[in-house]
Amino acid sequence: MDEKLKNKETLLVVNKSDGNKVKAVKGVDDTGNLDAVDAKEANQGQFIQIDEKAGVLENFFSNLKREFQDPTHFNFFRSPIEKIENIASALKEMFKDEDGNSVFLSQSRVNPEDFNKQQKTQDQSQEYKPVDESRINWRQLEELGVTREMLEAQGNLKAMLNWHKSPNLIQVNPTFEGIAFQVQARLSFDENPDGSIRLKADSYQPAPTLDIPFHGATLTEEDKKNLLETSNAGRIIELTGDKGEKIPSFVSLDKVTNRLEAMPVANVAFKDTLKEAPLSSEQLQSLYEGKKTLVEGMTSKNGKPFDGYVQFNAAKGSLDFSYDGLDRNKYKQENQQSQNQEPQQKVRIPTKLLGVDLDDKQQTSLGEGKAIYVQGMMKDGQDQPFNAYVKVNEEKGKLDFFKWNPDKAKSQGAEVKPAEANKTQVAVNSEGKTSESLKNVKDPIKQGQNSPTEKQAEKQKETQRPARTVKKSGGVKM
């Protein structure tokens, strides 16, 4: 048996609808259903592990959504991992006479509803409320050289009113037996039993002291290395309380004060999702053990996916995120594609363009990024139609108009060859040219017009008549 699993417990489940078959709980699958394996020593590495950390069971049962709706379907029991095969066999025998063995079964039975109620009670009692400033004795703080204005100006007040430590070191001036001291410390507010608010100071020291016992626990070399490199011990350390009780705790190093901080495991509860990424029972187990845990597919504030290592920091009371060894460009192509698609989605392929109905073939060609030739379009404020090639500009998210076909290489001398009936109109409206018979016509040329109208011809003749010669006067002789 794996030495690490000694003195560890797991959950056994008895399925009434399957002939009271006994299995070991592995966790909860992605759909919220029970995931279990045979209660064999060979599978012990897959078992869910439970000990003093009630949070493991709370998360497990909260994830077991379907079973909460019908809790009588399964029966759960605690079992030492090293004795799991014997206990599983005994449970199967006891369920042959469940009523007669009810006393023995109740000793190790785990009721999911108890954890559901407990979780609801904790959620209600732990409803977040910021510090009530009316309960702060600011005059008392001023005696230490701390004012509200000073905390606000230094950027410390907001964090402190949310029950966090001041981000920066603050100088306080306590007095002991008539002697004044100057101390650099991180300050925070704490609640007294009577509901009043007191100031708590975590003083600064020049360097961490990791070689002396911390609350009765001696740090290993691995602990020290982890604390200096990541700020976290990387495991649960059993500390000794004021009354000699053993308290499994997270231990971290406050990099601002260089002092060790601890947080009892019983005071920490992780949610089953982190930044929209679901956490498996194995990931939750790893977090409750103080380990650095990889979580993939999280979503940042700007909506982009990312991966990261997370680990609980007792000094901060929250999770640390790190990215060492991860491919930070893993989602770069996906994000880039998403950005490139945004302008394309803004271009709507019209059924009618500047007064001209587009047929299905033209609409399809535009949608495929091809240029189409459209005749007789009318711009607002103009009384003459025009013809042009039209193509989608994906980068700018609009339609562009061209005198030539943009799909043909202009540098290679490709020419636009419209239909014979439209050559004159293309030359006039799209290329700024005129035919020989229309070159002196000043009036606008209509679509399909190849020769001047009668009125235009008359005006054209007038402009072509030779100008009358004016004889120069010789002046008057005096």
Protein backbone atom coordinates (compact mmCIF):
# COMPACT_ATOMS: atom_id res chain seq x y z
CA MET A 1 0.00 0.00 0.00
CA ASP A 2 1.13 3.55 -0.74
CA GLU A 3 2.58 4.98 2.50
CA LYS A 4 1.07 8.37 1.71
CA LEU A 5 -2.43 6.89 1.97
CA LYS A 6 -2.00 5.55 5.50
CA ASN A 7 -4.43 7.13 7.99
CA LYS A 8 -6.42 8.53 5.06
CA GLU A 9 -10.14 7.90 4.58
CA THR A 10 -12.34 7.66 1.53
CA LEU A 11 -16.04 7.30 0.73
CA LEU A 12 -17.79 4.05 -0.04
CA VAL A 13 -21.14 4.13 -1.84
CA VAL A 14 -23.83 1.44 -1.69
CA ASN A 15 -26.14 1.48 -4.70
CA LYS A 16 -29.56 0.16 -3.67
CA SER A 17 -30.83 -0.02 -7.24
CA ASP A 18 -27.90 -2.25 -8.25
CA GLY A 19 -28.21 -5.07 -5.72
CA ASN A 20 -26.46 -3.09 -2.93
CA LYS A 21 -23.21 -3.14 -4.88
CA VAL A 22 -20.41 -1.39 -2.94
CA LYS A 23 -17.93 0.86 -4.74
CA ALA A 24 -15.33 3.46 -3.82
CA VAL A 25 -16.09 7.07 -4.73
CA LYS A 26 -13.76 8.63 -7.27
CA GLY A 27 -15.54 11.97 -7.58
CA VAL A 28 -18.10 13.68 -9.78
CA ASP A 29 -18.00 13.61 -13.56
CA ASP A 30 -18.50 16.61 -15.87
CA THR A 31 -22.28 16.18 -15.90
CA GLY A 32 -22.57 16.20 -12.10
CA ASN A 33 -23.07 12.45 -11.70
CA LEU A 34 -21.35 10.05 -9.34
CA ASP A 35 -18.06 8.57 -10.54
CA ALA A 36 -17.03 5.40 -8.66
CA VAL A 37 -14.64 2.45 -9.07
CA ASP A 38 -14.39 -1.02 -7.57
CA ALA A 39 -13.35 -0.95 -3.90
CA LYS A 40 -10.04 -2.69 -4.58
CA GLU A 41 -6.59 -1.83 -3.29
CA ALA A 42 -5.37 -1.66 -6.89
CA ASN A 43 -7.63 1.39 -7.45
CA GLN A 44 -6.61 3.28 -4.30
CA GLY A 45 -4.89 6.02 -6.29
CA GLN A 46 -8.29 6.99 -7.76
CA PHE A 47 -10.20 7.20 -4.46
CA ILE A 48 -11.40 10.55 -3.16
CA GLN A 49 -9.47 11.33 0.02
CA ILE A 50 -11.14 12.84 3.09
CA ASP A 51 -9.66 13.73 6.45
CA GLU A 52 -10.08 16.80 8.64
CA LYS A 53 -10.87 18.88 5.56
CA ALA A 54 -14.66 19.07 5.61
CA GLY A 55 -14.47 21.21 2.49
CA VAL A 56 -13.70 18.14 0.37
CA LEU A 57 -17.02 16.54 1.28
CA GLU A 58 -18.91 19.81 0.93
CA ASN A 59 -17.62 20.30 -2.60
CA PHE A 60 -18.23 16.68 -3.50
CA PHE A 61 -21.86 16.68 -2.41
CA SER A 62 -22.56 20.13 -3.85
CA ASN A 63 -21.28 18.87 -7.23
CA LEU A 64 -23.45 15.77 -6.99
CA LYS A 65 -26.45 17.69 -8.31
CA ARG A 66 -28.61 14.84 -9.50
CA GLU A 67 -28.23 12.84 -6.30
CA PHE A 68 -29.43 15.77 -4.18
CA GLN A 69 -32.79 15.52 -5.93
CA ASP A 70 -33.02 11.83 -4.98
CA PRO A 71 -30.66 11.31 -1.99
CA THR A 72 -32.15 7.90 -1.11
CA HIS A 73 -30.73 6.37 -4.27
CA PHE A 74 -27.23 6.02 -2.74
CA ASN A 75 -25.83 5.40 0.74
CA PHE A 76 -22.38 6.80 1.64
CA PHE A 77 -19.96 5.57 4.30
CA ARG A 78 -16.51 6.63 5.49
CA SER A 79 -13.77 4.03 5.31
CA PRO A 80 -10.00 3.93 5.97
CA ILE A 81 -8.30 3.35 2.63
CA GLU A 82 -6.00 0.64 4.05
CA LYS A 83 -9.04 -1.44 5.13
CA ILE A 84 -11.33 -0.66 2.22
CA GLU A 85 -11.75 -4.21 0.85
CA ASN A 86 -12.73 -5.65 4.26
CA ILE A 87 -15.15 -2.82 5.02
CA ALA A 88 -16.73 -2.98 1.55
CA SER A 89 -17.33 -6.69 2.04
CA ALA A 90 -18.82 -6.08 5.52
CA LEU A 91 -21.15 -3.38 4.20
CA LYS A 92 -22.50 -5.68 1.53
CA GLU A 93 -23.33 -8.30 4.20
CA MET A 94 -24.91 -5.72 6.53
CA PHE A 95 -27.24 -4.45 3.81
CA LYS A 96 -28.79 -7.89 3.59
CA ASP A 97 -30.45 -6.89 6.87
CA GLU A 98 -30.24 -3.08 6.84
CA ASP A 99 -32.76 -2.56 9.66
CA GLY A 100 -31.09 -5.09 11.95
CA ASN A 101 -27.64 -3.53 11.35
CA SER A 102 -28.80 0.09 11.46
CA VAL A 103 -26.81 0.84 14.65
CA PHE A 104 -23.55 -0.35 13.12
CA LEU A 105 -24.26 1.37 9.79
CA SER A 106 -25.04 4.72 11.43
CA GLN A 107 -21.54 4.88 12.97
CA SER A 108 -19.88 5.49 9.60
CA ARG A 109 -22.80 6.70 7.46
CA VAL A 110 -22.42 10.07 5.71
CA ASN A 111 -25.65 11.94 4.97
CA PRO A 112 -25.42 14.22 1.89
CA GLU A 113 -28.24 16.42 3.20
CA ASP A 114 -26.20 17.27 6.30
CA PHE A 115 -23.48 18.76 4.12
CA ASN A 116 -26.02 20.48 1.92
CA LYS A 117 -27.61 22.18 4.94
CA GLN A 118 -24.21 22.96 6.41
CA GLN A 119 -23.11 24.57 3.15
CA LYS A 120 -26.29 26.68 2.98
CA THR A 121 -25.82 27.79 6.60
CA GLN A 122 -22.20 28.74 5.92
CA ASP A 123 -23.18 30.64 2.79
CA GLN A 124 -25.78 32.61 4.72
CA SER A 125 -23.52 33.29 7.71
CA GLN A 126 -20.57 34.20 5.50
CA GLU A 127 -22.47 36.78 3.46
CA TYR A 128 -19.87 39.37 2.70
CA LYS A 129 -20.11 42.78 4.35
CA PRO A 130 -17.37 45.43 4.33
CA VAL A 131 -16.11 46.98 7.55
CA ASP A 132 -18.66 49.27 9.17
CA GLU A 133 -16.72 52.50 9.64
CA SER A 134 -19.07 53.63 12.40
CA ARG A 135 -17.61 50.88 14.60
CA ILE A 136 -14.01 52.04 14.12
CA ASN A 137 -12.52 54.11 16.96
CA TRP A 138 -10.57 56.55 14.79
CA ARG A 139 -9.47 58.57 17.83
CA GLN A 140 -7.76 55.50 19.25
CA LEU A 141 -5.99 54.94 15.95
CA GLU A 142 -4.82 58.55 15.89
CA GLU A 143 -2.93 57.87 19.14
CA LEU A 144 -0.87 55.38 17.11
CA GLY A 145 -0.24 57.99 14.43
CA VAL A 146 -2.84 56.54 12.03
CA THR A 147 -5.58 58.68 10.51
CA ARG A 148 -8.29 57.92 7.98
CA GLU A 149 -7.00 60.64 5.65
CA MET A 150 -3.49 59.17 5.76
CA LEU A 151 -4.73 55.64 4.93
CA GLU A 152 -6.79 56.96 2.02
CA ALA A 153 -3.97 59.11 0.62
CA GLN A 154 -1.54 56.16 0.71
CA GLY A 155 -3.97 53.85 -1.11
CA ASN A 156 -4.46 51.53 1.89
CA LEU A 157 -7.99 52.37 3.10
CA LYS A 158 -9.99 50.54 0.40
CA ALA A 159 -8.25 47.20 1.04
CA MET A 160 -8.52 47.56 4.81
CA LEU A 161 -12.27 48.34 4.68
CA ASN A 162 -12.65 45.05 2.77
CA TRP A 163 -10.97 43.10 5.63
CA HIS A 164 -7.62 42.85 3.80
CA LYS A 165 -4.19 43.94 4.95
CA SER A 166 -2.86 47.29 3.81
CA PRO A 167 -0.94 46.80 0.54
CA ASN A 168 1.93 48.89 1.92
CA LEU A 169 3.93 49.12 5.13
CA ILE A 170 2.65 51.85 7.45
CA GLN A 171 4.52 53.47 10.32
CA VAL A 172 2.74 53.19 13.68
CA ASN A 173 3.90 54.69 16.99
CA PRO A 174 2.85 52.42 19.87
CA THR A 175 3.76 53.18 23.49
CA PHE A 176 4.89 50.50 25.95
CA GLU A 177 5.39 51.40 29.62
CA GLY A 178 5.75 55.04 28.70
CA ILE A 179 8.28 54.39 25.96
CA ALA A 180 7.32 55.25 22.34
CA PHE A 181 8.35 52.98 19.49
CA GLN A 182 8.29 53.33 15.73
CA VAL A 183 7.20 50.19 13.89
CA GLN A 184 6.69 49.45 10.18
CA ALA A 185 3.73 47.12 9.73
CA ARG A 186 0.90 46.03 7.47
CA LEU A 187 -2.37 47.04 9.10
CA SER A 188 -5.79 45.41 8.94
CA PHE A 189 -9.09 45.57 10.79
CA ASP A 190 -10.34 42.71 12.96
CA GLU A 191 -13.61 42.20 14.82
CA ASN A 192 -13.75 41.84 18.60
CA PRO A 193 -16.26 39.48 20.27
CA ASP A 194 -18.37 42.50 21.28
CA GLY A 195 -18.65 43.61 17.63
CA SER A 196 -16.24 46.53 17.88
CA ILE A 197 -13.39 46.92 15.39
CA ARG A 198 -9.75 46.82 16.43
CA LEU A 199 -6.55 47.50 14.51
CA LYS A 200 -4.25 44.57 13.85
CA ALA A 201 -0.58 45.12 12.96
CA ASP A 202 1.73 42.61 11.27
CA SER A 203 5.19 44.04 11.82
CA TYR A 204 8.02 43.99 9.30
CA GLN A 205 11.23 42.01 9.79
CA PRO A 206 14.31 42.28 7.56
CA ALA A 207 14.38 38.59 6.56
CA PRO A 208 12.22 35.45 6.95
CA THR A 209 12.95 33.21 9.95
CA LEU A 210 12.33 29.69 8.67
CA ASP A 211 14.69 27.73 10.91
CA ILE A 212 12.73 28.06 14.13
CA PRO A 213 9.48 26.11 14.80
CA PHE A 214 6.30 27.81 13.61
CA HIS A 215 3.42 27.16 16.02
CA GLY A 216 5.07 23.90 17.05
CA ALA A 217 5.83 22.72 13.50
CA THR A 218 9.37 22.37 12.10
CA LEU A 219 9.64 23.25 8.41
CA THR A 220 11.32 20.78 6.09
CA GLU A 221 13.94 21.86 3.56
CA GLU A 222 11.32 21.40 0.84
CA ASP A 223 8.94 23.67 2.78
CA LYS A 224 11.59 26.39 3.04
CA LYS A 225 12.43 26.18 -0.66
CA ASN A 226 8.76 26.41 -1.65
CA LEU A 227 8.12 29.35 0.69
CA LEU A 228 11.05 31.35 -0.69
CA GLU A 229 10.23 30.57 -4.33
CA THR A 230 6.42 30.61 -4.41
CA SER A 231 5.45 32.09 -0.98
CA ASN A 232 3.52 28.85 -0.20
CA ALA A 233 4.61 25.70 1.64
CA GLY A 234 2.95 23.47 -0.96
CA ARG A 235 1.39 21.13 1.59
CA ILE A 236 -0.84 21.11 4.66
CA ILE A 237 1.16 21.57 7.88
CA GLU A 238 -0.19 20.45 11.25
CA LEU A 239 0.19 23.36 13.68
CA THR A 240 -0.41 23.35 17.44
CA GLY A 241 -3.12 25.62 18.85
CA ASP A 242 -3.13 27.55 22.13
CA LYS A 243 -4.78 24.61 23.92
CA GLY A 244 -2.52 22.00 22.38
CA GLU A 245 -4.98 20.98 19.67
CA LYS A 246 -3.67 20.03 16.23
CA ILE A 247 -4.78 22.36 13.43
CA PRO A 248 -4.13 21.34 9.78
CA SER A 249 -3.27 24.62 8.07
CA PHE A 250 -2.10 26.32 4.92
CA VAL A 251 1.21 28.14 5.55
CA SER A 252 2.52 31.00 3.40
CA LEU A 253 5.17 33.71 3.52
CA ASP A 254 4.11 37.35 3.46
CA LYS A 255 6.65 38.86 1.06
CA VAL A 256 5.97 42.39 2.37
CA THR A 257 6.60 41.71 6.07
CA ASN A 258 8.81 38.57 5.67
CA ARG A 259 6.65 36.78 8.24
CA LEU A 260 4.89 33.41 8.06
CA GLU A 261 1.09 33.36 8.01
CA ALA A 262 -1.27 30.42 8.57
CA MET A 263 -4.89 29.68 7.67
CA PRO A 264 -6.74 26.62 9.07
CA VAL A 265 -7.98 24.31 6.32
CA ALA A 266 -11.37 24.20 8.01
CA ASN A 267 -11.78 27.94 7.32
CA VAL A 268 -11.30 27.57 3.56
CA ALA A 269 -13.88 26.43 1.01
CA PHE A 270 -13.25 26.38 -2.74
CA LYS A 271 -16.05 26.72 -5.30
CA ASP A 272 -16.49 24.07 -7.97
CA THR A 273 -15.67 26.58 -10.74
CA LEU A 274 -12.83 29.04 -11.17
CA LYS A 275 -13.13 31.84 -13.71
CA GLU A 276 -15.83 29.84 -15.54
CA ALA A 277 -13.66 26.67 -15.65
CA PRO A 278 -15.17 23.64 -13.82
CA LEU A 279 -12.92 22.06 -11.19
CA SER A 280 -12.78 18.28 -10.95
CA SER A 281 -12.71 16.45 -7.63
CA GLU A 282 -9.01 15.75 -8.23
CA GLN A 283 -8.28 19.46 -8.71
CA LEU A 284 -10.24 20.38 -5.59
CA GLN A 285 -8.42 17.67 -3.64
CA SER A 286 -5.08 19.07 -4.83
CA LEU A 287 -6.06 22.61 -3.77
CA TYR A 288 -7.16 21.43 -0.32
CA GLU A 289 -3.76 19.76 0.04
CA GLY A 290 -2.02 23.09 -0.56
CA LYS A 291 -0.54 22.04 -3.90
CA LYS A 292 -0.02 24.10 -7.03
CA THR A 293 -2.79 22.96 -9.37
CA LEU A 294 -3.12 23.35 -13.13
CA VAL A 295 -6.49 24.72 -14.29
CA GLU A 296 -7.15 24.96 -18.03
CA GLY A 297 -9.76 26.88 -19.96
CA MET A 298 -10.29 29.77 -17.56
CA THR A 299 -11.75 33.02 -18.91
CA SER A 300 -10.11 36.40 -18.32
CA LYS A 301 -11.98 39.67 -17.68
CA ASN A 302 -11.76 40.57 -21.37
CA GLY A 303 -13.32 37.23 -22.33
CA LYS A 304 -10.18 35.46 -23.57
CA PRO A 305 -9.36 31.86 -22.52
CA PHE A 306 -6.17 31.07 -20.59
CA ASP A 307 -4.50 28.36 -18.50
CA GLY A 308 -2.69 28.79 -15.20
CA TYR A 309 -1.40 27.19 -12.01
CA VAL A 310 -3.36 28.15 -8.90
CA GLN A 311 -2.46 27.72 -5.24
CA PHE A 312 -3.97 29.00 -2.02
CA ASN A 313 -1.98 31.76 -0.29
CA ALA A 314 -2.64 31.97 3.46
CA ALA A 315 -1.03 35.42 3.71
CA LYS A 316 -3.44 36.84 1.12
CA GLY A 317 -6.42 34.65 1.93
CA SER A 318 -6.88 34.02 -1.80
CA LEU A 319 -5.47 32.07 -4.76
CA ASP A 320 -2.12 32.79 -6.40
CA PHE A 321 -1.86 32.47 -10.19
CA SER A 322 1.37 31.51 -11.98
CA TYR A 323 2.22 30.56 -15.56
CA ASP A 324 5.75 29.09 -15.46
CA GLY A 325 6.28 26.46 -18.14
CA LEU A 326 2.91 27.05 -19.80
CA ASP A 327 2.43 28.00 -23.44
CA ARG A 328 1.16 31.57 -23.12
CA ASN A 329 0.45 31.61 -26.87
CA LYS A 330 -1.77 28.50 -26.74
CA TYR A 331 -4.93 30.50 -27.38
CA LYS A 332 -3.27 33.26 -29.44
CA GLN A 333 -4.41 31.87 -32.81
CA GLU A 334 -7.92 31.29 -31.51
CA ASN A 335 -8.11 34.84 -30.14
CA GLN A 336 -6.69 36.25 -33.38
CA GLN A 337 -9.22 34.33 -35.47
CA SER A 338 -11.98 35.66 -33.26
CA GLN A 339 -10.72 39.21 -33.76
CA ASN A 340 -10.41 38.73 -37.53
CA GLN A 341 -13.93 37.40 -37.76
CA GLU A 342 -15.46 40.40 -36.04
CA PRO A 343 -15.18 42.78 -39.05
CA GLN A 344 -16.47 40.04 -41.40
CA GLN A 345 -19.58 39.63 -39.32
CA LYS A 346 -20.31 43.38 -39.68
CA VAL A 347 -20.50 43.18 -43.51
CA ARG A 348 -24.08 42.40 -44.49
CA ILE A 349 -24.52 41.17 -48.07
CA PRO A 350 -27.35 43.34 -49.45
CA THR A 351 -30.18 42.17 -51.69
CA LYS A 352 -30.43 45.69 -53.13
CA LEU A 353 -27.49 48.05 -53.71
CA LEU A 354 -28.04 51.74 -54.44
CA GLY A 355 -31.37 51.04 -56.11
CA VAL A 356 -30.24 47.93 -58.04
CA ASP A 357 -31.57 44.48 -57.11
CA LEU A 358 -28.78 41.91 -56.77
CA ASP A 359 -29.56 38.42 -58.01
CA ASP A 360 -28.64 35.27 -56.06
CA LYS A 361 -25.46 34.75 -58.07
CA GLN A 362 -24.23 38.28 -57.32
CA GLN A 363 -25.03 37.93 -53.61
CA THR A 364 -23.22 34.59 -53.45
CA SER A 365 -20.16 36.00 -55.22
CA LEU A 366 -20.01 38.94 -52.81
CA GLY A 367 -20.29 36.58 -49.85
CA GLU A 368 -17.39 34.52 -51.26
CA GLY A 369 -15.23 37.63 -51.47
CA LYS A 370 -15.44 38.00 -55.25
CA ALA A 371 -15.98 41.24 -57.16
CA ILE A 372 -19.24 41.76 -59.08
CA TYR A 373 -20.13 44.28 -61.80
CA VAL A 374 -23.27 46.32 -61.01
CA GLN A 375 -24.92 48.66 -63.54
CA GLY A 376 -27.33 51.56 -63.01
CA MET A 377 -26.63 52.37 -59.37
CA MET A 378 -27.80 55.76 -58.13
CA LYS A 379 -26.12 57.78 -55.39
CA ASP A 380 -28.15 60.09 -53.18
CA GLY A 381 -28.26 63.63 -54.52
CA GLN A 382 -27.34 62.62 -58.07
CA ASP A 383 -29.69 62.20 -61.02
CA GLN A 384 -27.42 60.04 -63.20
CA PRO A 385 -26.73 56.32 -62.71
CA PHE A 386 -23.26 54.86 -62.57
CA ASN A 387 -21.67 51.46 -63.01
CA ALA A 388 -18.87 49.93 -60.92
CA TYR A 389 -17.26 46.77 -59.65
CA VAL A 390 -18.21 46.02 -56.01
CA LYS A 391 -16.28 43.91 -53.51
CA VAL A 392 -16.37 43.28 -49.74
CA ASN A 393 -13.60 44.96 -47.72
CA GLU A 394 -13.18 42.50 -44.86
CA GLU A 395 -10.64 44.61 -43.00
CA LYS A 396 -12.83 47.72 -42.84
CA GLY A 397 -16.12 45.86 -42.77
CA LYS A 398 -17.72 47.64 -45.76
CA LEU A 399 -18.29 47.44 -49.54
CA ASP A 400 -15.72 49.04 -51.85
CA PHE A 401 -16.41 50.34 -55.40
CA PHE A 402 -13.91 50.12 -58.28
CA LYS A 403 -13.63 51.39 -61.88
CA TRP A 404 -11.70 48.25 -62.74
CA ASN A 405 -12.03 44.61 -61.69
CA PRO A 406 -10.02 44.29 -58.45
CA ASP A 407 -9.84 40.50 -58.88
CA LYS A 408 -7.65 40.93 -61.96
CA ALA A 409 -4.04 41.98 -61.65
CA LYS A 410 -3.93 45.61 -62.76
CA SER A 411 -0.13 45.48 -62.90
CA GLN A 412 -0.40 42.75 -65.54
CA GLY A 413 -2.53 44.99 -67.75
CA ALA A 414 -5.79 43.10 -67.31
CA GLU A 415 -8.64 45.04 -68.88
CA VAL A 416 -12.28 45.30 -67.99
CA LYS A 417 -14.43 44.29 -70.97
CA PRO A 418 -18.09 45.12 -70.38
CA ALA A 419 -20.82 44.07 -72.78
CA GLU A 420 -20.90 45.80 -76.19
CA ALA A 421 -24.11 47.66 -75.33
CA ASN A 422 -22.55 49.10 -72.23
CA LYS A 423 -19.15 50.16 -73.57
CA THR A 424 -20.12 53.76 -74.16
CA GLN A 425 -21.82 54.08 -70.81
CA VAL A 426 -18.84 52.56 -68.97
CA ALA A 427 -16.50 54.92 -70.78
CA VAL A 428 -18.66 57.93 -69.93
CA ASN A 429 -19.70 57.16 -66.35
CA SER A 430 -16.94 54.95 -65.03
CA GLU A 431 -13.85 56.06 -66.98
CA GLY A 432 -14.57 59.72 -67.68
CA LYS A 433 -14.34 59.24 -71.48
CA THR A 434 -16.71 60.19 -74.36
CA SER A 435 -17.34 58.81 -77.85
CA GLU A 436 -16.42 60.88 -80.94
CA SER A 437 -20.05 61.86 -81.56
CA LEU A 438 -20.59 62.87 -77.92
CA LYS A 439 -17.35 64.64 -77.19
CA ASN A 440 -18.82 68.15 -77.57
CA VAL A 441 -22.11 67.43 -75.76
CA LYS A 442 -22.23 69.41 -72.53
CA ASP A 443 -25.44 67.87 -71.14
CA PRO A 444 -25.34 64.65 -69.02
CA ILE A 445 -25.24 61.41 -71.03
CA LYS A 446 -27.93 58.86 -70.23
CA GLN A 447 -27.36 55.12 -69.85
CA GLY A 448 -27.18 53.35 -73.26
CA GLN A 449 -26.84 56.64 -75.22
CA ASN A 450 -24.43 56.31 -78.17
CA SER A 451 -25.29 59.51 -80.08
CA PRO A 452 -26.51 63.02 -79.20
CA THR A 453 -30.20 63.84 -79.04
CA GLU A 454 -31.74 66.30 -81.55
CA LYS A 455 -31.51 69.11 -79.06
CA GLN A 456 -27.94 68.16 -78.10
CA ALA A 457 -27.01 67.97 -81.85
CA GLU A 458 -28.34 71.50 -82.43
CA LYS A 459 -26.30 72.84 -79.54
CA GLN A 460 -23.31 70.89 -80.79
CA LYS A 461 -23.60 72.54 -84.26
CA GLU A 462 -23.75 75.97 -82.68
CA THR A 463 -20.54 75.35 -80.82
CA GLN A 464 -18.89 74.11 -84.05
CA ARG A 465 -19.81 77.25 -86.15
CA PRO A 466 -16.77 79.47 -86.98
CA ALA A 467 -16.54 82.62 -84.95
CA ARG A 468 -17.22 85.93 -86.79
CA THR A 469 -14.05 87.88 -87.66
CA VAL A 470 -13.99 91.29 -86.09
CA LYS A 471 -12.06 93.88 -88.08
CA LYS A 472 -9.66 95.77 -86.00
CA SER A 473 -10.37 99.48 -85.89
CA GLY A 474 -7.69 101.71 -87.28
CA GLY A 475 -8.56 104.46 -84.90
CA VAL A 476 -9.47 108.13 -85.62
CA LYS A 477 -7.00 110.44 -87.24
CA MET A 478 -6.57 113.80 -85.63
